[in-house]
Amino acid sequence: MKSIIFALIGITLYAVQNAIIDVKLKQYSAVSLLVGFYLVLLPLGVCLLLYQKSTGQPMAMPSGSSFKILVAVAVMFFVADFFYVGAYTSGGNVVVVTILFVLMPVLGALIKFLWVKEVPTPYHFVGFVCAALAIFFIAIGNSKKPIEIVKRNEGEKVSRRSE
């Protein structure tokens, strides 16, 4: 149950973040946003680490080949963040970007099934089809939206079709 609560809190905070980036921060470059995020995250991470140590909670840092895997995942995390935030800064909106994000669990499940050589259940296949249909219908819905007016920093108005 704890993992479900953690996931729901995380998903809710990701949803809020996406709306904030779309509405308030998309005019900045992806790199400047990422650097800002990471400059805030580093001290938060250090504080959490110190808190865990001070309360005697067990914590093991990866070493050896596990540390190399951690580094590879960290690089992938950075690159993924760059492209994800870049989706907003290059003109995307919260509806399109977050709906496409529905593909992440599908791709993650498929990669895991291939990696551990498991066969997905019929329920997994139904879930994959539902995710594909959700993306398909959102794409159709967005193609039917009227042209919206986007205000630039300089005050000029530019018309564009919604994604």
N, C-alpha and C. Protein backbone atom coordinates (compact mmCIF):
# COMPACT_ATOMS: atom_id res chain seq x y z
N MET A 1 0.82 -1.19 0.00
CA MET A 1 0.00 0.00 0.00
C MET A 1 0.87 1.26 0.00
N LYS A 2 1.99 1.22 0.74
CA LYS A 2 2.88 2.38 0.81
C LYS A 2 3.39 2.75 -0.59
N SER A 3 3.72 1.76 -1.41
CA SER A 3 4.24 2.06 -2.75
C SER A 3 3.17 2.73 -3.60
N ILE A 4 1.92 2.35 -3.43
CA ILE A 4 0.83 2.96 -4.21
C ILE A 4 0.64 4.42 -3.78
N ILE A 5 0.68 4.67 -2.48
CA ILE A 5 0.55 6.05 -1.99
C ILE A 5 1.71 6.90 -2.50
N PHE A 6 2.93 6.37 -2.42
CA PHE A 6 4.09 7.09 -2.93
C PHE A 6 3.91 7.39 -4.42
N ALA A 7 3.48 6.41 -5.19
CA ALA A 7 3.30 6.61 -6.63
C ALA A 7 2.25 7.67 -6.91
N LEU A 8 1.14 7.64 -6.18
CA LEU A 8 0.07 8.63 -6.39
C LEU A 8 0.54 10.05 -6.05
N ILE A 9 1.31 10.18 -4.96
CA ILE A 9 1.84 11.49 -4.61
C ILE A 9 2.81 11.96 -5.70
N GLY A 10 3.69 11.07 -6.15
CA GLY A 10 4.64 11.42 -7.20
C GLY A 10 3.95 11.82 -8.49
N ILE A 11 2.96 11.06 -8.89
CA ILE A 11 2.22 11.36 -10.13
C ILE A 11 1.51 12.71 -10.01
N THR A 12 0.91 12.97 -8.86
CA THR A 12 0.22 14.25 -8.65
C THR A 12 1.21 15.41 -8.75
N LEU A 13 2.36 15.27 -8.10
CA LEU A 13 3.36 16.33 -8.17
C LEU A 13 3.92 16.50 -9.58
N TYR A 14 4.11 15.40 -10.31
CA TYR A 14 4.55 15.51 -11.71
C TYR A 14 3.51 16.24 -12.55
N ALA A 15 2.22 15.98 -12.30
CA ALA A 15 1.15 16.65 -13.04
C ALA A 15 1.18 18.16 -12.77
N VAL A 16 1.35 18.53 -11.50
CA VAL A 16 1.42 19.95 -11.15
C VAL A 16 2.64 20.59 -11.81
N GLN A 17 3.80 19.92 -11.75
CA GLN A 17 5.01 20.43 -12.38
C GLN A 17 4.79 20.67 -13.87
N ASN A 18 4.18 19.71 -14.54
CA ASN A 18 3.96 19.84 -15.98
C ASN A 18 3.10 21.06 -16.30
N ALA A 19 2.05 21.26 -15.52
CA ALA A 19 1.19 22.42 -15.75
C ALA A 19 1.96 23.72 -15.49
N ILE A 20 2.78 23.74 -14.45
CA ILE A 20 3.56 24.95 -14.15
C ILE A 20 4.56 25.23 -15.26
N ILE A 21 5.27 24.21 -15.72
CA ILE A 21 6.23 24.41 -16.80
C ILE A 21 5.52 24.93 -18.04
N ASP A 22 4.37 24.34 -18.38
CA ASP A 22 3.63 24.75 -19.57
C ASP A 22 3.15 26.19 -19.46
N VAL A 23 2.62 26.57 -18.31
CA VAL A 23 1.99 27.89 -18.17
C VAL A 23 3.00 28.99 -17.84
N LYS A 24 3.99 28.69 -17.01
CA LYS A 24 4.86 29.75 -16.49
C LYS A 24 6.31 29.71 -16.96
N LEU A 25 6.82 28.56 -17.41
CA LEU A 25 8.27 28.45 -17.65
C LEU A 25 8.67 28.07 -19.07
N LYS A 26 7.73 27.81 -19.96
CA LYS A 26 8.09 27.27 -21.27
C LYS A 26 8.86 28.25 -22.14
N GLN A 27 8.89 29.54 -21.78
CA GLN A 27 9.62 30.51 -22.59
C GLN A 27 11.13 30.46 -22.34
N TYR A 28 11.57 29.73 -21.31
CA TYR A 28 12.99 29.59 -21.00
C TYR A 28 13.56 28.36 -21.71
N SER A 29 14.86 28.30 -21.85
CA SER A 29 15.46 27.14 -22.52
C SER A 29 15.43 25.92 -21.61
N ALA A 30 15.40 24.76 -22.23
CA ALA A 30 15.39 23.50 -21.46
C ALA A 30 16.63 23.39 -20.59
N VAL A 31 17.78 23.81 -21.12
CA VAL A 31 19.04 23.71 -20.36
C VAL A 31 18.99 24.60 -19.12
N SER A 32 18.51 25.85 -19.26
CA SER A 32 18.47 26.73 -18.09
C SER A 32 17.51 26.20 -17.04
N LEU A 33 16.39 25.63 -17.47
CA LEU A 33 15.46 25.05 -16.50
C LEU A 33 16.07 23.85 -15.80
N LEU A 34 16.73 22.98 -16.55
CA LEU A 34 17.33 21.79 -15.93
C LEU A 34 18.41 22.19 -14.94
N VAL A 35 19.26 23.13 -15.31
CA VAL A 35 20.32 23.56 -14.38
C VAL A 35 19.68 24.13 -13.11
N GLY A 36 18.64 24.94 -13.28
CA GLY A 36 17.94 25.48 -12.11
C GLY A 36 17.35 24.38 -11.25
N PHE A 37 16.69 23.41 -11.89
CA PHE A 37 16.10 22.31 -11.13
C PHE A 37 17.17 21.55 -10.36
N TYR A 38 18.27 21.22 -11.04
CA TYR A 38 19.30 20.41 -10.39
C TYR A 38 20.04 21.19 -9.30
N LEU A 39 20.18 22.50 -9.45
CA LEU A 39 20.81 23.30 -8.39
C LEU A 39 19.95 23.29 -7.13
N VAL A 40 18.65 23.21 -7.30
CA VAL A 40 17.75 23.11 -6.14
C VAL A 40 17.74 21.67 -5.61
N LEU A 41 17.78 20.70 -6.50
CA LEU A 41 17.70 19.30 -6.09
C LEU A 41 18.94 18.81 -5.33
N LEU A 42 20.12 19.30 -5.69
CA LEU A 42 21.34 18.81 -5.04
C LEU A 42 21.33 19.08 -3.54
N PRO A 43 21.08 20.32 -3.08
CA PRO A 43 21.04 20.51 -1.63
C PRO A 43 19.90 19.74 -0.96
N LEU A 44 18.76 19.61 -1.66
CA LEU A 44 17.67 18.81 -1.09
C LEU A 44 18.10 17.36 -0.91
N GLY A 45 18.78 16.82 -1.90
CA GLY A 45 19.28 15.44 -1.81
C GLY A 45 20.28 15.27 -0.69
N VAL A 46 21.19 16.24 -0.54
CA VAL A 46 22.18 16.19 0.53
C VAL A 46 21.48 16.26 1.90
N CYS A 47 20.48 17.14 2.02
CA CYS A 47 19.73 17.23 3.28
C CYS A 47 19.03 15.91 3.61
N LEU A 48 18.44 15.29 2.62
CA LEU A 48 17.78 14.00 2.84
C LEU A 48 18.79 12.94 3.26
N LEU A 49 19.94 12.94 2.62
CA LEU A 49 21.00 12.00 2.97
C LEU A 49 21.44 12.20 4.42
N LEU A 50 21.66 13.45 4.80
CA LEU A 50 22.07 13.74 6.18
C LEU A 50 20.98 13.36 7.18
N TYR A 51 19.72 13.59 6.82
CA TYR A 51 18.60 13.21 7.68
C TYR A 51 18.59 11.70 7.90
N GLN A 52 18.75 10.95 6.81
CA GLN A 52 18.75 9.49 6.94
C GLN A 52 19.89 9.02 7.83
N LYS A 53 21.06 9.61 7.63
CA LYS A 53 22.20 9.21 8.47
C LYS A 53 21.97 9.57 9.93
N SER A 54 21.40 10.76 10.18
CA SER A 54 21.20 11.20 11.57
C SER A 54 20.13 10.37 12.29
N THR A 55 19.19 9.81 11.54
CA THR A 55 18.15 9.00 12.17
C THR A 55 18.50 7.52 12.17
N GLY A 56 19.69 7.20 11.67
CA GLY A 56 20.15 5.82 11.69
C GLY A 56 19.49 4.90 10.69
N GLN A 57 18.84 5.48 9.69
CA GLN A 57 18.21 4.64 8.66
C GLN A 57 19.29 4.01 7.78
N PRO A 58 19.14 2.73 7.48
CA PRO A 58 20.16 2.08 6.66
C PRO A 58 20.15 2.64 5.24
N MET A 59 21.35 2.81 4.70
CA MET A 59 21.47 3.32 3.35
C MET A 59 22.79 2.83 2.78
N ALA A 60 22.70 2.18 1.65
CA ALA A 60 23.91 1.69 0.99
C ALA A 60 24.02 2.35 -0.37
N MET A 61 25.16 2.98 -0.62
CA MET A 61 25.41 3.57 -1.93
C MET A 61 25.97 2.49 -2.85
N PRO A 62 25.55 2.48 -4.10
CA PRO A 62 26.09 1.49 -5.04
C PRO A 62 27.60 1.66 -5.21
N SER A 63 28.26 0.54 -5.43
CA SER A 63 29.70 0.58 -5.67
C SER A 63 30.03 -0.43 -6.77
N GLY A 64 31.22 -0.34 -7.29
CA GLY A 64 31.66 -1.27 -8.33
C GLY A 64 30.82 -1.17 -9.58
N SER A 65 30.38 -2.33 -10.09
CA SER A 65 29.61 -2.32 -11.33
C SER A 65 28.23 -1.68 -11.13
N SER A 66 27.70 -1.77 -9.91
CA SER A 66 26.41 -1.12 -9.63
C SER A 66 26.55 0.40 -9.73
N PHE A 67 27.71 0.95 -9.34
CA PHE A 67 27.92 2.39 -9.46
C PHE A 67 27.98 2.79 -10.94
N LYS A 68 28.58 1.97 -11.77
CA LYS A 68 28.63 2.25 -13.21
C LYS A 68 27.21 2.27 -13.80
N ILE A 69 26.38 1.36 -13.33
CA ILE A 69 24.98 1.35 -13.78
C ILE A 69 24.28 2.61 -13.30
N LEU A 70 24.53 3.02 -12.06
CA LEU A 70 23.95 4.25 -11.52
C LEU A 70 24.35 5.45 -12.38
N VAL A 71 25.61 5.53 -12.78
CA VAL A 71 26.08 6.63 -13.62
C VAL A 71 25.36 6.60 -14.96
N ALA A 72 25.23 5.42 -15.56
CA ALA A 72 24.53 5.32 -16.85
C ALA A 72 23.08 5.76 -16.72
N VAL A 73 22.41 5.35 -15.66
CA VAL A 73 21.02 5.75 -15.45
C VAL A 73 20.94 7.25 -15.21
N ALA A 74 21.88 7.83 -14.49
CA ALA A 74 21.89 9.27 -14.23
C ALA A 74 22.04 10.04 -15.55
N VAL A 75 22.89 9.57 -16.43
CA VAL A 75 23.06 10.22 -17.74
C VAL A 75 21.76 10.11 -18.54
N MET A 76 21.14 8.92 -18.52
CA MET A 76 19.86 8.76 -19.23
C MET A 76 18.79 9.67 -18.62
N PHE A 77 18.80 9.81 -17.30
CA PHE A 77 17.85 10.67 -16.61
C PHE A 77 18.00 12.11 -17.09
N PHE A 78 19.25 12.58 -17.18
CA PHE A 78 19.52 13.94 -17.63
C PHE A 78 19.07 14.14 -19.08
N VAL A 79 19.42 13.20 -19.95
CA VAL A 79 19.03 13.31 -21.36
C VAL A 79 17.51 13.27 -21.50
N ALA A 80 16.87 12.37 -20.76
CA ALA A 80 15.41 12.28 -20.80
C ALA A 80 14.78 13.58 -20.30
N ASP A 81 15.30 14.13 -19.21
CA ASP A 81 14.80 15.41 -18.70
C ASP A 81 14.96 16.51 -19.74
N PHE A 82 16.10 16.53 -20.41
CA PHE A 82 16.35 17.56 -21.43
C PHE A 82 15.28 17.49 -22.52
N PHE A 83 15.02 16.30 -23.03
CA PHE A 83 14.03 16.18 -24.10
C PHE A 83 12.61 16.40 -23.58
N TYR A 84 12.34 15.96 -22.37
CA TYR A 84 11.00 16.13 -21.81
C TYR A 84 10.69 17.61 -21.58
N VAL A 85 11.60 18.32 -20.93
CA VAL A 85 11.41 19.76 -20.72
C VAL A 85 11.47 20.47 -22.07
N GLY A 86 12.34 19.99 -22.95
CA GLY A 86 12.45 20.57 -24.29
C GLY A 86 11.16 20.44 -25.09
N ALA A 87 10.35 19.45 -24.78
CA ALA A 87 9.05 19.32 -25.46
C ALA A 87 8.19 20.54 -25.18
N TYR A 88 8.29 21.08 -23.97
CA TYR A 88 7.55 22.30 -23.62
C TYR A 88 8.19 23.54 -24.23
N THR A 89 9.51 23.65 -24.09
CA THR A 89 10.19 24.86 -24.53
C THR A 89 10.24 24.98 -26.05
N SER A 90 9.93 23.90 -26.75
CA SER A 90 9.89 23.96 -28.22
C SER A 90 8.46 24.06 -28.75
N GLY A 91 7.52 24.40 -27.88
CA GLY A 91 6.16 24.68 -28.32
C GLY A 91 5.10 23.67 -27.92
N GLY A 92 5.47 22.61 -27.21
CA GLY A 92 4.48 21.63 -26.77
C GLY A 92 3.61 22.18 -25.66
N ASN A 93 2.51 21.49 -25.39
CA ASN A 93 1.66 21.90 -24.28
C ASN A 93 1.41 20.72 -23.36
N VAL A 94 0.87 21.01 -22.20
CA VAL A 94 0.73 20.00 -21.16
C VAL A 94 -0.15 18.84 -21.59
N VAL A 95 -1.16 19.09 -22.40
CA VAL A 95 -2.04 18.00 -22.83
C VAL A 95 -1.27 17.02 -23.72
N VAL A 96 -0.59 17.54 -24.71
CA VAL A 96 0.14 16.67 -25.64
C VAL A 96 1.28 15.94 -24.94
N VAL A 97 2.10 16.70 -24.20
CA VAL A 97 3.28 16.09 -23.58
C VAL A 97 2.90 15.03 -22.56
N THR A 98 1.93 15.31 -21.71
CA THR A 98 1.59 14.33 -20.69
C THR A 98 0.84 13.12 -21.27
N ILE A 99 0.08 13.33 -22.32
CA ILE A 99 -0.57 12.18 -22.95
C ILE A 99 0.47 11.28 -23.60
N LEU A 100 1.46 11.87 -24.24
CA LEU A 100 2.53 11.05 -24.81
C LEU A 100 3.30 10.32 -23.71
N PHE A 101 3.34 10.93 -22.53
CA PHE A 101 4.03 10.30 -21.40
C PHE A 101 3.38 8.99 -20.99
N VAL A 102 2.13 8.78 -21.42
CA VAL A 102 1.44 7.51 -21.16
C VAL A 102 2.25 6.35 -21.76
N LEU A 103 3.03 6.64 -22.77
CA LEU A 103 3.84 5.59 -23.39
C LEU A 103 4.95 5.08 -22.48
N MET A 104 5.37 5.87 -21.51
CA MET A 104 6.50 5.47 -20.66
C MET A 104 6.26 4.14 -19.94
N PRO A 105 5.14 3.95 -19.25
CA PRO A 105 4.96 2.65 -18.60
C PRO A 105 4.82 1.50 -19.60
N VAL A 106 4.23 1.79 -20.76
CA VAL A 106 4.11 0.75 -21.78
C VAL A 106 5.49 0.34 -22.28
N LEU A 107 6.31 1.33 -22.61
CA LEU A 107 7.67 1.02 -23.08
C LEU A 107 8.49 0.36 -21.97
N GLY A 108 8.34 0.86 -20.73
CA GLY A 108 9.06 0.25 -19.61
C GLY A 108 8.69 -1.21 -19.43
N ALA A 109 7.39 -1.50 -19.51
CA ALA A 109 6.94 -2.90 -19.36
C ALA A 109 7.47 -3.76 -20.51
N LEU A 110 7.39 -3.25 -21.73
CA LEU A 110 7.89 -4.02 -22.88
C LEU A 110 9.39 -4.29 -22.77
N ILE A 111 10.14 -3.27 -22.36
CA ILE A 111 11.59 -3.45 -22.19
C ILE A 111 11.87 -4.49 -21.13
N LYS A 112 11.14 -4.43 -20.01
CA LYS A 112 11.35 -5.42 -18.95
C LYS A 112 10.99 -6.82 -19.44
N PHE A 113 9.87 -6.95 -20.15
CA PHE A 113 9.49 -8.27 -20.66
C PHE A 113 10.57 -8.83 -21.58
N LEU A 114 11.12 -7.99 -22.44
CA LEU A 114 12.19 -8.45 -23.33
C LEU A 114 13.46 -8.78 -22.55
N TRP A 115 13.80 -7.96 -21.58
CA TRP A 115 15.02 -8.12 -20.81
C TRP A 115 15.01 -9.42 -20.00
N VAL A 116 13.90 -9.69 -19.30
CA VAL A 116 13.84 -10.89 -18.46
C VAL A 116 13.21 -12.08 -19.18
N LYS A 117 12.91 -11.87 -20.47
CA LYS A 117 12.35 -12.92 -21.33
C LYS A 117 11.04 -13.49 -20.79
N GLU A 118 10.15 -12.57 -20.36
CA GLU A 118 8.81 -12.96 -19.92
C GLU A 118 7.82 -12.68 -21.04
N VAL A 119 6.71 -13.39 -20.99
CA VAL A 119 5.64 -13.15 -21.95
C VAL A 119 4.55 -12.33 -21.26
N PRO A 120 4.16 -11.19 -21.85
CA PRO A 120 3.09 -10.40 -21.24
C PRO A 120 1.79 -11.20 -21.17
N THR A 121 0.97 -10.92 -20.16
CA THR A 121 -0.33 -11.56 -20.04
C THR A 121 -1.31 -10.88 -20.99
N PRO A 122 -2.47 -11.49 -21.21
CA PRO A 122 -3.49 -10.81 -22.03
C PRO A 122 -3.88 -9.44 -21.45
N TYR A 123 -3.86 -9.30 -20.13
CA TYR A 123 -4.17 -8.02 -19.51
C TYR A 123 -3.15 -6.95 -19.90
N HIS A 124 -1.88 -7.35 -19.96
CA HIS A 124 -0.85 -6.41 -20.40
C HIS A 124 -1.13 -5.94 -21.82
N PHE A 125 -1.47 -6.90 -22.70
CA PHE A 125 -1.74 -6.53 -24.10
C PHE A 125 -2.93 -5.57 -24.20
N VAL A 126 -3.97 -5.81 -23.41
CA VAL A 126 -5.12 -4.90 -23.40
C VAL A 126 -4.68 -3.51 -22.93
N GLY A 127 -3.84 -3.46 -21.90
CA GLY A 127 -3.32 -2.18 -21.42
C GLY A 127 -2.52 -1.45 -22.48
N PHE A 128 -1.70 -2.21 -23.23
CA PHE A 128 -0.90 -1.59 -24.30
C PHE A 128 -1.81 -1.00 -25.38
N VAL A 129 -2.86 -1.74 -25.72
CA VAL A 129 -3.80 -1.26 -26.74
C VAL A 129 -4.54 -0.02 -26.23
N CYS A 130 -4.96 -0.02 -24.97
CA CYS A 130 -5.65 1.14 -24.40
C CYS A 130 -4.75 2.38 -24.41
N ALA A 131 -3.48 2.21 -24.08
CA ALA A 131 -2.55 3.34 -24.10
C ALA A 131 -2.40 3.88 -25.52
N ALA A 132 -2.27 2.97 -26.48
CA ALA A 132 -2.16 3.41 -27.88
C ALA A 132 -3.42 4.14 -28.33
N LEU A 133 -4.59 3.62 -27.94
CA LEU A 133 -5.85 4.28 -28.30
C LEU A 133 -5.96 5.66 -27.65
N ALA A 134 -5.53 5.79 -26.41
CA ALA A 134 -5.57 7.09 -25.73
C ALA A 134 -4.75 8.11 -26.50
N ILE A 135 -3.57 7.73 -26.89
CA ILE A 135 -2.70 8.65 -27.64
C ILE A 135 -3.33 8.97 -28.99
N PHE A 136 -3.87 7.97 -29.66
CA PHE A 136 -4.52 8.17 -30.96
C PHE A 136 -5.68 9.16 -30.85
N PHE A 137 -6.55 8.97 -29.86
CA PHE A 137 -7.72 9.85 -29.73
C PHE A 137 -7.33 11.27 -29.30
N ILE A 138 -6.34 11.40 -28.46
CA ILE A 138 -5.88 12.73 -28.07
C ILE A 138 -5.28 13.44 -29.28
N ALA A 139 -4.52 12.72 -30.09
CA ALA A 139 -3.95 13.32 -31.30
C ALA A 139 -5.05 13.81 -32.23
N ILE A 140 -6.09 13.02 -32.40
CA ILE A 140 -7.22 13.44 -33.24
C ILE A 140 -7.90 14.66 -32.62
N GLY A 141 -8.12 14.63 -31.31
CA GLY A 141 -8.75 15.76 -30.63
C GLY A 141 -7.95 17.04 -30.78
N ASN A 142 -6.64 16.94 -30.67
CA ASN A 142 -5.80 18.12 -30.81
C ASN A 142 -5.79 18.64 -32.25
N SER A 143 -5.92 17.75 -33.22
CA SER A 143 -5.94 18.21 -34.62
C SER A 143 -7.23 18.96 -34.93
N LYS A 144 -8.27 18.76 -34.14
CA LYS A 144 -9.56 19.42 -34.35
C LYS A 144 -9.70 20.72 -33.57
N LYS A 145 -8.71 21.05 -32.72
CA LYS A 145 -8.79 22.27 -31.92
C LYS A 145 -8.59 23.49 -32.80
N PRO A 146 -9.24 24.60 -32.44
CA PRO A 146 -9.05 25.83 -33.20
C PRO A 146 -7.66 26.41 -32.98
N ILE A 147 -7.27 27.32 -33.83
CA ILE A 147 -5.99 27.99 -33.69
C ILE A 147 -6.03 28.83 -32.42
N GLU A 148 -4.93 28.81 -31.65
CA GLU A 148 -4.86 29.59 -30.43
C GLU A 148 -3.84 30.71 -30.58
N ILE A 149 -3.99 31.74 -29.80
CA ILE A 149 -3.08 32.87 -29.81
C ILE A 149 -2.07 32.67 -28.68
N VAL A 150 -0.78 32.76 -29.03
CA VAL A 150 0.28 32.60 -28.06
C VAL A 150 0.95 33.95 -27.88
N LYS A 151 1.10 34.40 -26.64
CA LYS A 151 1.76 35.67 -26.37
C LYS A 151 3.23 35.41 -26.11
N ARG A 152 4.07 36.12 -26.80
CA ARG A 152 5.52 36.03 -26.62
C ARG A 152 5.96 37.02 -25.54
N ASN A 153 7.22 36.90 -25.10
CA ASN A 153 7.74 37.82 -24.09
C ASN A 153 7.69 39.28 -24.53
N GLU A 154 7.96 39.53 -25.80
CA GLU A 154 8.03 40.90 -26.29
C GLU A 154 6.66 41.53 -26.45
N GLY A 155 5.61 40.80 -26.17
CA GLY A 155 4.27 41.35 -26.27
C GLY A 155 3.62 41.11 -27.62
N GLU A 156 4.35 40.56 -28.59
CA GLU A 156 3.73 40.29 -29.89
C GLU A 156 2.83 39.09 -29.80
N LYS A 157 1.83 39.04 -30.64
CA LYS A 157 0.93 37.91 -30.66
C LYS A 157 1.21 37.08 -31.92
N VAL A 158 1.28 35.80 -31.74
CA VAL A 158 1.56 34.89 -32.85
C VAL A 158 0.49 33.83 -32.85
N SER A 159 -0.12 33.60 -34.01
CA SER A 159 -1.13 32.54 -34.11
C SER A 159 -0.43 31.24 -34.46
N ARG A 160 -0.91 30.16 -33.88
CA ARG A 160 -0.39 28.83 -34.25
C ARG A 160 -1.46 27.81 -33.97
N ARG A 161 -1.39 26.71 -34.66
CA ARG A 161 -2.31 25.62 -34.42
C ARG A 161 -1.83 24.85 -33.20
N SER A 162 -2.76 24.46 -32.35
CA SER A 162 -2.40 23.65 -31.19
C SER A 162 -1.81 22.33 -31.64
N GLU A 163 -0.90 21.80 -30.82
CA GLU A 163 -0.28 20.51 -31.17
C GLU A 163 -1.31 19.42 -31.08
